[in-house]
Protein backbone atom coordinates (compact mmCIF):
# COMPACT_ATOMS: atom_id res chain seq x y z
CA MET A 1 32.56 13.46 10.97
CA GLU A 2 29.96 10.70 10.53
CA VAL A 3 27.41 11.43 7.43
CA ILE A 4 23.84 12.47 8.44
CA PHE A 5 21.45 11.46 5.63
CA ALA A 6 18.38 13.89 5.32
CA LEU A 7 16.05 11.65 3.43
CA VAL A 8 12.64 13.00 2.46
CA LEU A 9 10.02 10.12 2.01
CA ALA A 10 6.54 11.01 -0.02
CA THR A 11 3.41 9.31 0.83
CA ALA A 12 0.06 10.22 -0.49
CA THR A 13 -3.02 12.76 0.19
CA PRO A 14 -3.95 13.26 3.89
CA GLY A 15 -6.65 10.84 5.13
CA GLY A 16 -5.16 7.58 3.67
CA GLY A 17 -3.09 4.90 4.65
CA PHE A 18 0.06 6.20 3.27
CA PRO A 19 0.56 9.26 5.42
CA VAL A 20 -0.33 7.09 8.46
CA TYR A 21 2.16 4.49 7.63
CA GLY A 22 4.64 7.07 6.40
CA ASP A 23 5.00 8.95 9.78
CA ALA A 24 4.98 5.70 11.84
CA PHE A 25 7.87 4.47 9.79
CA ALA A 26 9.67 7.44 9.76
CA GLU A 27 9.74 8.22 13.46
CA ILE A 28 10.66 4.26 14.40
CA VAL A 29 13.62 4.44 11.69
CA ASN A 30 14.71 7.99 12.93
CA ALA A 31 14.76 6.43 16.63
CA GLN A 32 16.74 3.34 15.81
CA GLU A 33 19.61 4.83 13.59
CA PRO A 34 21.02 8.52 14.81
CA ARG A 35 22.68 8.98 11.08
CA LEU A 36 19.19 8.94 9.45
CA LYS A 37 16.87 11.83 9.30
CA ILE A 38 13.48 11.16 7.45
CA THR A 39 10.75 13.48 7.19
CA THR A 40 7.46 12.65 5.17
CA ARG A 41 5.84 14.78 2.63
CA ASN A 42 2.30 14.40 1.29
CA THR A 43 1.83 13.86 -2.55
CA LYS A 44 -0.71 12.68 -4.65
CA GLY A 45 0.13 9.34 -3.96
CA SER A 46 1.87 6.37 -6.31
CA ALA A 47 1.44 7.83 -9.82
CA GLU A 48 3.13 11.31 -8.68
CA ASN A 49 5.69 9.37 -6.19
CA VAL A 50 7.29 7.26 -9.03
CA PRO A 51 8.30 9.74 -11.51
CA LEU A 52 9.69 12.17 -8.40
CA LEU A 53 11.89 9.08 -7.43
CA GLU A 54 12.84 8.20 -10.95
CA ALA A 55 14.07 12.07 -11.50
CA ASN A 56 15.86 11.90 -8.01
CA LYS A 57 13.52 14.35 -6.91
CA ILE A 58 13.03 12.91 -3.54
CA ASP A 59 15.07 10.13 -1.77
CA LEU A 60 12.15 7.49 -1.02
CA ALA A 61 8.51 6.97 -1.68
CA LEU A 62 5.75 4.70 -0.53
CA VAL A 63 4.48 2.92 -3.72
CA ALA A 64 1.40 0.93 -4.16
CA GLY A 65 0.95 -2.56 -5.56
CA GLU A 66 0.08 -2.22 -9.11
CA PHE A 67 2.45 1.08 -9.63
CA ALA A 68 5.30 -0.86 -7.98
CA SER A 69 4.60 -4.14 -10.10
CA ALA A 70 4.68 -1.88 -13.26
CA VAL A 71 7.86 0.16 -12.57
CA LEU A 72 9.93 -2.92 -11.04
CA ALA A 73 8.81 -4.79 -14.59
CA LYS A 74 10.60 -2.38 -16.32
CA PRO A 75 14.03 -3.88 -17.60
CA ASP A 76 15.76 -0.49 -17.38
CA THR A 77 14.33 0.74 -13.82
CA GLY A 78 16.76 2.33 -11.62
CA LEU A 79 14.57 2.60 -8.71
CA ARG A 80 15.36 0.00 -5.92
CA ILE A 81 13.30 -1.60 -3.00
CA ILE A 82 14.26 -1.00 0.52
CA THR A 83 11.51 -2.80 2.25
CA ALA A 84 8.19 -4.41 1.67
CA MET A 85 5.23 -2.81 3.27
CA TYR A 86 2.44 -4.71 3.23
CA SER A 87 0.12 -6.84 0.98
CA SER A 88 -3.00 -5.24 0.28
CA PRO A 89 -6.26 -7.33 -0.34
CA GLY A 90 -8.73 -4.76 -2.37
CA LEU A 91 -12.16 -4.73 -0.87
CA ALA A 92 -15.33 -2.65 -1.32
CA MET A 93 -17.41 -1.69 1.84
CA VAL A 94 -21.12 -0.98 1.81
CA ARG A 95 -23.24 0.66 4.63
CA GLY A 96 -24.62 -1.83 7.03
CA ASP A 97 -28.27 -1.21 5.67
CA SER A 98 -27.12 -1.61 1.66
CA PRO A 99 -29.31 -4.30 -0.27
CA TYR A 100 -25.57 -5.06 -2.34
CA ARG A 101 -24.08 -8.35 -1.28
CA SER A 102 -21.55 -8.85 -4.15
CA LEU A 103 -19.35 -6.70 -6.32
CA GLY A 104 -21.71 -7.51 -9.36
CA ASP A 105 -24.30 -5.53 -7.43
CA LEU A 106 -22.66 -2.25 -8.04
CA ALA A 107 -22.81 -2.35 -11.54
CA GLY A 108 -24.45 1.14 -12.28
CA LYS A 109 -23.37 2.28 -8.92
CA PRO A 110 -21.50 5.05 -7.84
CA VAL A 111 -18.28 3.69 -6.24
CA VAL A 112 -15.74 5.97 -4.45
CA LEU A 113 -12.38 4.34 -6.02
CA GLY A 114 -9.99 6.74 -4.18
CA THR A 115 -7.66 9.71 -5.27
CA GLN A 116 -6.76 9.86 -8.63
CA GLY A 117 -2.75 8.98 -7.89
CA SER A 118 -3.23 6.06 -5.75
CA GLY A 119 -2.58 2.48 -6.42
CA ILE A 120 -5.50 1.37 -4.42
CA THR A 121 -7.45 3.20 -7.01
CA ALA A 122 -5.74 1.34 -9.78
CA LEU A 123 -6.58 -1.75 -8.31
CA GLY A 124 -10.25 -1.01 -7.69
CA ARG A 125 -10.13 -0.15 -11.77
CA THR A 126 -8.44 -3.48 -12.67
CA VAL A 127 -10.90 -5.43 -10.35
CA PHE A 128 -14.23 -4.05 -11.73
CA ASP A 129 -12.75 -4.21 -15.47
CA SER A 130 -11.46 -7.47 -15.30
CA LEU A 131 -15.07 -8.69 -14.00
CA GLY A 132 -16.75 -6.61 -16.47
CA ILE A 133 -18.52 -4.49 -13.88
CA GLU A 134 -19.21 -0.92 -15.07
CA VAL A 135 -19.64 1.22 -11.98
CA ARG A 136 -20.16 4.73 -11.74
CA PRO A 137 -16.53 5.71 -10.74
CA ILE A 138 -15.92 8.35 -8.43
CA THR A 139 -12.25 9.91 -7.86
CA LEU A 140 -11.31 12.25 -4.58
CA GLU A 141 -8.92 15.26 -4.09
CA LYS A 142 -8.48 13.86 -0.58
CA ALA A 143 -9.13 10.27 0.45
CA ALA A 144 -10.79 11.61 3.69
CA ASP A 145 -13.67 12.83 1.59
CA GLY A 146 -14.51 9.39 0.79
CA PRO A 147 -16.68 8.31 4.16
CA PRO A 148 -18.75 11.09 4.30
CA MET A 149 -19.72 10.39 0.55
CA LEU A 150 -20.96 6.77 1.36
CA LEU A 151 -22.68 8.04 4.75
CA ASP A 152 -24.87 10.51 3.26
CA GLY A 153 -25.81 8.57 0.13
CA ARG A 154 -23.69 10.31 -2.79
CA ALA A 155 -21.88 6.91 -3.20
CA ASP A 156 -23.17 3.62 -2.62
CA ALA A 157 -19.86 1.63 -2.25
CA LEU A 158 -16.36 2.72 -1.29
CA TRP A 159 -13.20 0.95 -2.41
CA GLY A 160 -9.87 0.19 -0.37
CA ALA A 161 -7.33 -2.06 0.42
CA GLY A 162 -5.47 -4.01 3.40
CA VAL A 163 -5.38 -3.54 7.12
CA GLY A 164 -5.41 0.11 8.76
CA TRP A 165 -7.24 1.34 5.65
CA PRO A 166 -8.51 4.82 7.43
CA ALA A 167 -11.68 4.69 5.22
CA PHE A 168 -12.56 1.47 6.31
CA SER A 169 -11.64 1.89 9.87
CA ALA A 170 -14.26 4.89 10.02
CA LEU A 171 -16.91 2.94 8.02
CA ALA A 172 -16.62 -0.22 9.96
CA LYS A 173 -17.33 1.85 13.23
CA THR A 174 -20.96 2.63 11.61
CA GLY A 175 -21.87 -0.99 10.74
CA GLY A 176 -20.29 -0.93 7.20
CA ARG A 177 -20.06 -4.38 5.17
CA PHE A 178 -17.25 -5.68 3.15
CA LEU A 179 -17.96 -7.03 -0.20
CA ALA A 180 -15.09 -9.22 -1.75
CA PRO A 181 -14.57 -11.14 -4.96
CA ASN A 182 -15.75 -14.91 -4.71
CA GLU A 183 -13.60 -17.62 -5.69
CA GLN A 184 -14.48 -17.33 -9.44
CA GLU A 185 -14.10 -13.88 -9.57
CA ILE A 186 -10.63 -14.01 -8.21
CA ALA A 187 -9.71 -16.65 -10.71
CA THR A 188 -10.79 -14.47 -13.50
CA ILE A 189 -9.01 -11.36 -12.15
CA LEU A 190 -5.67 -13.50 -11.57
CA ARG A 191 -5.92 -14.98 -14.89
CA LYS A 192 -6.06 -11.38 -16.90
CA ASN A 193 -3.68 -9.66 -14.35
CA PRO A 194 -0.62 -12.17 -13.60
CA ALA A 195 1.29 -9.38 -11.58
CA LEU A 196 -1.71 -9.65 -9.07
CA GLN A 197 -1.83 -12.41 -6.41
CA THR A 198 -4.32 -13.74 -3.86
CA VAL A 199 -4.24 -12.43 -0.60
CA ALA A 200 -6.40 -12.37 2.30
CA LEU A 201 -7.55 -9.67 5.21
CA PRO A 202 -7.01 -11.40 8.26
CA ALA A 203 -10.19 -11.74 10.76
CA LYS A 204 -11.14 -9.13 13.31
CA SER A 205 -8.89 -6.47 11.11
CA TYR A 206 -12.00 -4.15 11.63
CA PRO A 207 -14.93 -3.91 13.82
CA GLY A 208 -17.81 -6.53 12.79
CA GLN A 209 -15.01 -8.33 10.25
CA ASP A 210 -15.00 -11.80 12.31
CA ALA A 211 -13.80 -13.89 9.48
CA PRO A 212 -10.82 -13.48 6.86
CA LEU A 213 -11.70 -12.28 3.64
CA ARG A 214 -10.15 -13.41 0.57
CA SER A 215 -9.29 -11.04 -2.46
CA VAL A 216 -6.48 -10.15 -4.76
CA GLY A 217 -3.89 -7.46 -4.55
CA SER A 218 0.06 -6.90 -4.52
CA TRP A 219 2.84 -5.74 -1.99
CA SER A 220 3.34 -2.05 -1.54
CA TYR A 221 6.64 -0.95 -0.98
CA VAL A 222 9.18 1.70 0.35
CA LEU A 223 11.23 2.24 -2.60
CA ALA A 224 14.43 4.16 -3.31
CA LYS A 225 15.59 6.73 -5.98
CA PRO A 226 18.47 5.80 -8.62
CA GLU A 227 20.92 8.14 -6.59
CA LEU A 228 20.20 6.91 -3.26
CA PRO A 229 23.72 5.90 -1.54
CA PRO A 230 24.41 2.60 -0.57
CA GLU A 231 25.35 3.39 3.23
CA ALA A 232 21.96 5.28 3.44
CA ALA A 233 20.33 2.16 2.40
CA TYR A 234 22.27 0.20 4.38
CA LEU A 235 21.31 2.06 7.51
CA LEU A 236 17.64 2.07 6.37
CA ALA A 237 17.81 -1.69 6.48
CA ARG A 238 19.66 -2.30 9.44
CA ALA A 239 16.95 0.59 11.40
CA ILE A 240 14.06 -1.36 9.86
CA HIS A 241 15.24 -4.54 10.90
CA ARG A 242 16.09 -3.40 14.50
CA GLY A 243 12.36 -1.48 14.56
CA GLU A 244 10.02 -4.38 13.08
CA ALA A 245 8.44 -5.14 16.34
CA ALA A 246 8.23 -1.36 17.24
CA LEU A 247 6.66 -0.82 14.16
CA ALA A 248 4.20 -3.59 14.34
CA ALA A 249 3.22 -2.23 17.64
CA ARG A 250 2.56 1.02 16.62
CA LEU A 251 0.89 0.07 13.45
CA GLU A 252 -1.03 -2.64 12.84
CA GLN A 253 -0.73 -2.78 8.89
CA ALA A 254 3.00 -2.67 9.38
CA ARG A 255 3.34 -6.04 10.99
CA GLU A 256 4.31 -7.22 7.40
CA THR A 257 7.16 -5.06 7.09
CA THR A 258 9.86 -7.23 7.90
CA LEU A 259 13.17 -7.82 5.63
CA ALA A 260 12.40 -11.25 5.67
CA ASN A 261 8.81 -10.43 3.82
CA THR A 262 10.97 -8.14 1.84
CA LEU A 263 13.26 -10.90 0.36
CA ALA A 264 10.07 -13.23 -0.49
CA ALA A 265 7.98 -10.40 -1.80
CA ALA A 266 10.68 -8.96 -4.37
CA PRO A 267 9.94 -9.84 -8.15
CA ARG A 268 13.76 -10.35 -8.54
CA ARG A 269 16.56 -10.10 -5.92
CA GLU A 270 18.66 -7.76 -7.90
CA LEU A 271 15.80 -5.22 -7.52
CA ILE A 272 16.63 -4.88 -3.62
CA HIS A 273 18.95 -2.05 -3.17
CA PRO A 274 22.48 -3.04 -2.84
CA GLY A 275 22.86 -1.26 0.45
CA VAL A 276 20.22 -3.31 1.71
CA LEU A 277 21.41 -6.62 0.36
CA ARG A 278 24.78 -5.79 2.17
CA TYR A 279 22.72 -5.62 5.38
CA LEU A 280 20.77 -9.04 4.62
CA ALA A 281 24.02 -10.72 3.95
CA GLU A 282 25.68 -9.40 7.12
CA ALA A 283 22.53 -10.28 9.25
CA GLY A 284 22.16 -13.68 7.88
CA LEU A 285 19.05 -13.35 6.16
CA ARG A 286 19.08 -14.90 2.92
């Protein structure tokens, strides 16, 4: 009898991008591979997901840029990459009638950075700290609480990242505007944080955003626990590869979820799960 792998995928708090992505990912992968049964679980985000993975208490988890970069840089890490998810250019959004036109204008202002355990929140802190901009940070229990705070004036800006960020989607429909670091600020951030890279938000990712926006960010990943069986990782890779088009059609931010991008984004090849590497070799992806 064939083994059925029942896997738990940890995401983040409701209202953010990770639960939306995780549900789509699980649905597409399950549809491609009958031997996989992925269910999603809400958590506090990347800060909780990493120790859960390290303790083998969950099978898979979505881990955002800075958290992923940090854990994958540990020489003794047992966590392994299943797939790259997407790159996440960090940006702030203000109301359409806001007088603020740059990140520097937010100095001393209340800014929603996100939930306490989110990698996006960590990226926001890194950006503002690197630029010496002291904002009044607001952290949330639930990501969905952010947009109302901007709309009713409790906050002057909201930080987020990437395509399909739910808070950005909600606020863009009300006329919200993006604030991105300028080229000099990008250079400063990258000089102080070499694990980050220049990434761009494609034009028309959100209503009213007609031009691409350059910023800094990093790749988020689906990571596996140390004890994930190689056969489960192999089946995951095969299902992801077969379902790339369906996942991209289902979710705009998942257009970057490809095994080709996984090979390109991984800090080191050996950080990709051996089961995934086996499939990559069989599929002719090097």
